Structure formats: C-alpha cells, structure tokens
C-alpha cells in the first residue's frame, strides 16, 4: 500500500541521525545538510547485504575488520579522511585507496587503506584499527545516551530484512529508534512511499540508477533536524 503519511511521521528532530550504508551516500548527504555530527563505523564502506549488517550490529562489532579475516579485493577508490579526499604528497593528485574486504561480514572498506608505492596495504592497518575502534566506541556511547535516533540506509531490502535490522537497532537505542530505508528498485522512474505496517520503519522506493540524484535525497531528508543534545 502506497501512502504519503509514513514519511511525514519520520520527519522532525532527532538527537542523532546515522547513515548505515549500503554505500557512502547516506553519510555524504546527511553531512551536506548539516545532519551529521559524528563519524561512525559504516560511514564510508560498502555493505550490500543488510542481513550481514544486522549480524554485525547484533554481534556488537565483535571481530569486525580483524586483520586475519581481511583480504584485498579488486578495485580502488579515493582515499578519504572522514569523507574528504586526500591529496598525495606535493598536492598534485588525489590519493587512491585499496578495496579491503572483511570476509566474515562481507563489508568492504573502500576509502581507508592508501595505495602507496612499494608498500603493502597492511602497513596502514594499525592506524585504521585505532580510528575504527574509536568510531565503534562512539557509536555505542551516542546510542546509549540519545533519546531519539534515526538511521538512514540506501539499498535493496525486504520487509523481513527491515524488521530484523530495526529489531537489532532498537536493542541498542535507549529511546525512540526509527529507520528510513531508501529501497532501490530497477526500472523505477519516481520515488514512492510504501507502508509495510511496521512501527519505526519508513520505506521509500527509489530508482536504483540514481544514487546521486539530489532531488531524491532532498525529498527523503527535508524536514529532518538535530536537537541540541549533542550540539557542537
């Protein structure tokens, strides 16, 4: 059943709004609108399987990105420092980063491990590990002390997967826990709202081919704001 009501229910003020993948878009567009105050573990990663994300959260990130389960995979992208591209020495070109797969959770770091001449990707692991641990600790601390939290995720999702993820997130959040899913569909031309009849879940069906369409993100994020709970 398509409805215009559910999205309006989600709109309003939250102590924190957190991007949950499946790519960098949620964190990027939240930041552009001033809705992202903190860096969190999944901000700049590829997490195509929502079931794996639920499993990761249910496991409280235990074992996530442990060195023994990582492997370099095909592909490179820009090296980022919390979403900002890093220039190489001499400030001539932007630096690249390896794609590093966590084989336990099937999540890929695409912006953290710099491609450096004559240097293995593992050389950067300790620095990355420290940064990731800090973001994981912050994630749980913020959730524990927030009265209202909104999570935003772009990608494929079924009703059962949405319910599973919401249940896991609700167990971590002390107060109100809402999830806004941007469910990608092939051959869809316009955004539409679908009501799965589940509390705390809003789903927008969006064209799979338009992840960077600012009009879609404006439609999804308009009317959201942050409280002063974590004011900076």
Protein backbone atom coordinates (compact mmCIF):
# COMPACT_ATOMS: atom_id res chain seq x y z
CA UNK A 1 0.00 0.00 0.00
CA UNK A 2 1.47 3.35 -1.03
CA UNK A 3 1.00 6.13 1.46
CA UNK A 4 2.13 9.71 1.95
CA UNK A 5 1.77 9.51 5.72
CA UNK A 6 4.71 7.42 6.86
CA UNK A 7 7.48 9.74 5.71
CA UNK A 8 5.83 12.66 7.46
CA UNK A 9 5.78 10.62 10.66
CA UNK A 10 9.55 10.26 10.44
CA UNK A 11 10.21 13.96 9.91
CA UNK A 12 11.24 16.01 12.91
CA UNK A 13 14.11 16.41 15.35
CA UNK A 14 16.49 13.67 16.46
CA UNK A 15 19.40 13.62 18.87
CA UNK A 16 21.45 11.87 16.20
CA UNK A 17 20.99 10.73 12.59
CA UNK A 18 23.25 7.92 11.40
CA UNK A 19 23.98 6.60 7.91
CA UNK A 20 24.05 2.79 7.64
CA UNK A 21 25.21 2.23 4.04
CA UNK A 22 24.97 0.43 1.75
CA UNK A 23 27.43 2.98 0.40
CA UNK A 24 28.75 6.41 1.30
CA UNK A 25 25.67 8.32 0.11
CA UNK A 26 23.68 8.48 3.36
CA UNK A 27 26.60 9.89 5.33
CA UNK A 28 27.60 12.22 2.50
CA UNK A 29 24.16 13.75 2.01
CA UNK A 30 23.45 13.94 5.72
CA UNK A 31 26.67 15.91 6.12
CA UNK A 32 25.81 18.24 3.25
CA UNK A 33 22.59 19.14 5.04
CA UNK A 34 24.23 19.62 8.44
CA UNK A 35 22.61 16.47 9.83
CA UNK A 36 25.78 14.51 10.57
CA UNK A 37 27.79 15.46 13.63
CA UNK A 38 29.92 12.36 14.12
CA UNK A 39 31.87 9.75 12.18
CA UNK A 40 30.56 6.21 12.66
CA UNK A 41 31.88 2.76 11.66
CA UNK A 42 29.93 2.17 8.43
CA UNK A 43 30.04 5.70 7.00
CA UNK A 44 32.46 5.13 4.14
CA UNK A 45 32.08 1.41 3.47
CA UNK A 46 30.19 -0.83 1.06
CA UNK A 47 27.73 -3.10 2.88
CA UNK A 48 25.45 -4.60 0.25
CA UNK A 49 23.91 -7.30 2.46
CA UNK A 50 21.52 -5.92 5.02
CA UNK A 51 21.47 -9.28 6.80
CA UNK A 52 25.22 -9.02 7.28
CA UNK A 53 24.80 -5.52 8.71
CA UNK A 54 22.19 -6.84 11.15
CA UNK A 55 24.53 -9.68 12.13
CA UNK A 56 27.39 -7.23 12.64
CA UNK A 57 25.30 -4.99 14.88
CA UNK A 58 23.83 -7.95 16.78
CA UNK A 59 27.40 -9.09 17.42
CA UNK A 60 28.27 -5.60 18.65
CA UNK A 61 31.04 -5.33 16.01
CA UNK A 62 32.97 -8.23 17.57
CA UNK A 63 35.67 -9.29 15.12
CA UNK A 64 34.82 -6.56 12.63
CA UNK A 65 37.76 -5.80 10.31
CA UNK A 66 40.10 -8.05 12.28
CA UNK A 67 43.29 -8.42 10.27
CA UNK A 68 43.17 -12.21 9.88
CA UNK A 69 39.84 -12.05 8.01
CA UNK A 70 40.75 -9.21 5.65
CA UNK A 71 41.76 -9.55 2.03
CA UNK A 72 42.49 -7.09 -0.72
CA UNK A 73 39.93 -7.30 -3.49
CA UNK A 74 39.62 -5.83 -6.95
CA UNK A 75 39.16 -2.09 -7.20
CA UNK A 76 40.42 1.23 -5.88
CA UNK A 77 38.76 4.47 -4.88
CA UNK A 78 39.76 7.83 -3.45
CA UNK A 79 41.46 7.86 -0.07
CA UNK A 80 39.23 9.80 2.33
CA UNK A 81 39.61 11.34 5.75
CA UNK A 82 36.06 11.27 7.05
CA UNK A 83 34.66 11.79 3.58
CA UNK A 84 37.20 14.34 2.36
CA UNK A 85 39.55 13.29 -0.45
CA UNK A 86 43.24 13.24 0.46
CA UNK A 87 45.86 14.75 -1.81
CA UNK A 88 49.13 12.93 -2.40
CA UNK A 89 52.46 14.40 -1.37
CA UNK A 90 53.00 17.54 -3.38
CA UNK A 91 49.25 18.17 -3.59
CA UNK A 92 49.20 17.28 -7.28
CA UNK A 93 46.69 14.42 -7.45
CA UNK A 94 44.23 12.75 -5.14
CA UNK A 95 45.46 9.62 -3.44
CA UNK A 96 43.88 6.22 -4.12
CA UNK A 97 42.79 3.58 -1.61
CA UNK A 98 42.62 -0.22 -1.79
CA UNK A 99 39.36 -2.16 -1.54
CA UNK A 100 39.72 -4.31 1.59
CA UNK A 101 37.08 -6.98 2.23
CA UNK A 102 36.05 -8.26 5.65
CA UNK A 103 35.32 -11.89 4.74
CA UNK A 104 33.36 -12.55 7.95
CA UNK A 105 30.82 -9.77 7.49
CA UNK A 106 31.12 -9.19 3.71
CA UNK A 107 31.72 -5.47 4.16
CA UNK A 108 34.33 -3.58 2.13
CA UNK A 109 36.49 -0.66 3.21
CA UNK A 110 36.93 1.44 0.08
CA UNK A 111 38.48 4.68 1.37
CA UNK A 112 40.81 3.79 4.26
CA UNK A 113 43.91 1.93 3.06
CA UNK A 114 46.15 4.14 0.90
CA UNK A 115 47.79 2.86 -2.26
CA UNK A 116 51.47 3.66 -1.68
CA UNK A 117 54.49 2.77 -3.84
CA UNK A 118 56.27 -0.40 -2.73
CA UNK A 119 54.12 -0.69 0.37
CA UNK A 120 51.65 -3.41 1.32
CA UNK A 121 48.14 -2.34 2.31
CA UNK A 122 48.62 -3.92 5.76
CA UNK A 123 51.20 -1.25 6.59
CA UNK A 124 48.28 1.11 7.32
CA UNK A 125 46.26 -1.34 9.39
CA UNK A 126 47.21 -0.20 12.89
CA UNK A 127 46.27 3.41 12.17
CA UNK A 128 42.99 2.28 10.63
CA UNK A 129 42.27 -0.06 13.54
CA UNK A 130 42.64 2.72 16.07
CA UNK A 131 40.32 5.01 14.13
CA UNK A 132 37.72 2.27 13.70
CA UNK A 133 37.76 1.36 17.39
CA UNK A 134 37.17 4.99 18.27
CA UNK A 135 34.17 5.15 15.92
CA UNK A 136 32.72 1.92 17.31
CA UNK A 137 33.05 3.19 20.89
CA UNK A 138 31.43 6.47 19.90
CA UNK A 139 28.58 4.63 18.15
CA UNK A 140 27.56 2.77 21.30
CA UNK A 141 28.08 5.76 23.58
CA UNK A 142 25.91 8.03 21.44
CA UNK A 143 23.15 5.42 21.14
CA UNK A 144 23.17 4.76 24.87
CA UNK A 145 22.72 8.43 25.73
CA UNK A 146 20.33 9.55 22.98
CA UNK A 147 16.57 9.81 23.38
CA UNK A 148 15.81 9.76 19.64
CA UNK A 149 17.79 8.20 16.80
CA UNK A 150 17.17 7.98 13.06
CA UNK A 151 19.12 5.57 10.86
CA UNK A 152 19.24 6.04 7.07
CA UNK A 153 20.12 3.26 4.62
CA UNK A 154 20.18 3.09 0.82
CA UNK A 155 19.97 -0.26 -0.99
CA UNK A 156 17.99 -3.42 -1.53
CA UNK A 157 15.82 -4.50 1.38
CA UNK A 158 12.84 -6.77 2.01
CA UNK A 159 10.22 -6.28 4.69
CA UNK A 160 11.67 -9.15 6.72
CA UNK A 161 15.19 -7.71 6.48
CA UNK A 162 13.90 -4.29 7.50
CA UNK A 163 12.17 -5.76 10.54
CA UNK A 164 15.30 -7.68 11.52
CA UNK A 165 17.54 -4.63 11.30
CA UNK A 166 15.08 -2.45 13.23
CA UNK A 167 14.84 -5.05 15.98
CA UNK A 168 18.62 -5.17 16.37
CA UNK A 169 18.94 -1.39 16.36
CA UNK A 170 16.11 -1.00 18.87
CA UNK A 171 18.03 -3.22 21.28
CA UNK A 172 20.90 -0.73 21.13
CA UNK A 173 18.92 2.50 21.44
CA UNK A 174 17.54 3.66 24.76
CA UNK A 175 14.91 5.97 23.27
CA UNK A 176 12.99 6.25 20.00
CA UNK A 177 14.53 4.28 17.13
CA UNK A 178 13.41 4.97 13.56
CA UNK A 179 14.89 3.66 10.31
CA UNK A 180 14.46 5.33 6.93
CA UNK A 181 15.10 2.87 4.10
CA UNK A 182 15.67 4.05 0.55
CA UNK A 183 14.84 0.77 -1.17
CA UNK A 184 16.42 0.58 -4.62
CA UNK A 185 14.39 -0.89 -7.47
CA UNK A 186 15.23 -1.45 -11.12
CA UNK A 187 13.17 0.32 -13.79
CA UNK A 188 11.54 2.67 -11.27
CA UNK A 189 11.17 6.23 -12.53
CA UNK A 190 9.92 8.14 -9.49
CA UNK A 191 10.18 7.95 -5.73
CA UNK A 192 7.24 6.35 -3.98
CA UNK A 193 6.44 5.58 -0.37
CA UNK A 194 5.41 2.12 0.70
CA UNK A 195 3.91 1.23 4.08
CA UNK A 196 4.97 -2.14 5.45
CA UNK A 197 2.86 -1.52 8.55
CA UNK A 198 5.82 -1.74 10.93
CA UNK A 199 6.43 0.73 13.72
CA UNK A 200 9.64 2.71 13.43
CA UNK A 201 10.21 1.87 9.76
CA UNK A 202 9.71 4.15 6.78
CA UNK A 203 10.48 2.92 3.27
CA UNK A 204 10.92 5.00 0.14
CA UNK A 205 11.25 3.09 -3.10
CA UNK A 206 13.85 4.83 -5.27
CA UNK A 207 15.38 4.27 -8.73
CA UNK A 208 18.45 2.05 -8.47
CA UNK A 209 20.22 4.06 -11.16
CA UNK A 210 20.07 7.44 -9.38
CA UNK A 211 22.08 7.18 -6.13
CA UNK A 212 23.42 10.73 -6.53
CA UNK A 213 20.16 12.38 -7.54
CA UNK A 214 19.98 15.33 -5.15
CA UNK A 215 16.22 15.64 -5.63
CA UNK A 216 15.77 12.15 -4.15
CA UNK A 217 17.90 12.99 -1.14
CA UNK A 218 16.12 16.30 -0.68
CA UNK A 219 12.78 14.51 -0.70
CA UNK A 220 13.99 11.99 1.85
CA UNK A 221 15.82 14.38 4.18
CA UNK A 222 13.75 17.57 4.04
CA UNK A 223 12.10 18.23 7.40
CA UNK A 224 14.78 16.47 9.43
CA UNK A 225 16.80 18.36 12.01
CA UNK A 226 19.01 17.75 15.01
CA UNK A 227 18.27 18.58 18.61
CA UNK A 228 20.84 20.28 20.82
CA UNK A 229 21.56 17.02 22.68
CA UNK A 230 24.96 16.70 21.03
CA UNK A 231 25.29 20.33 19.98
CA UNK A 232 28.68 21.38 18.69
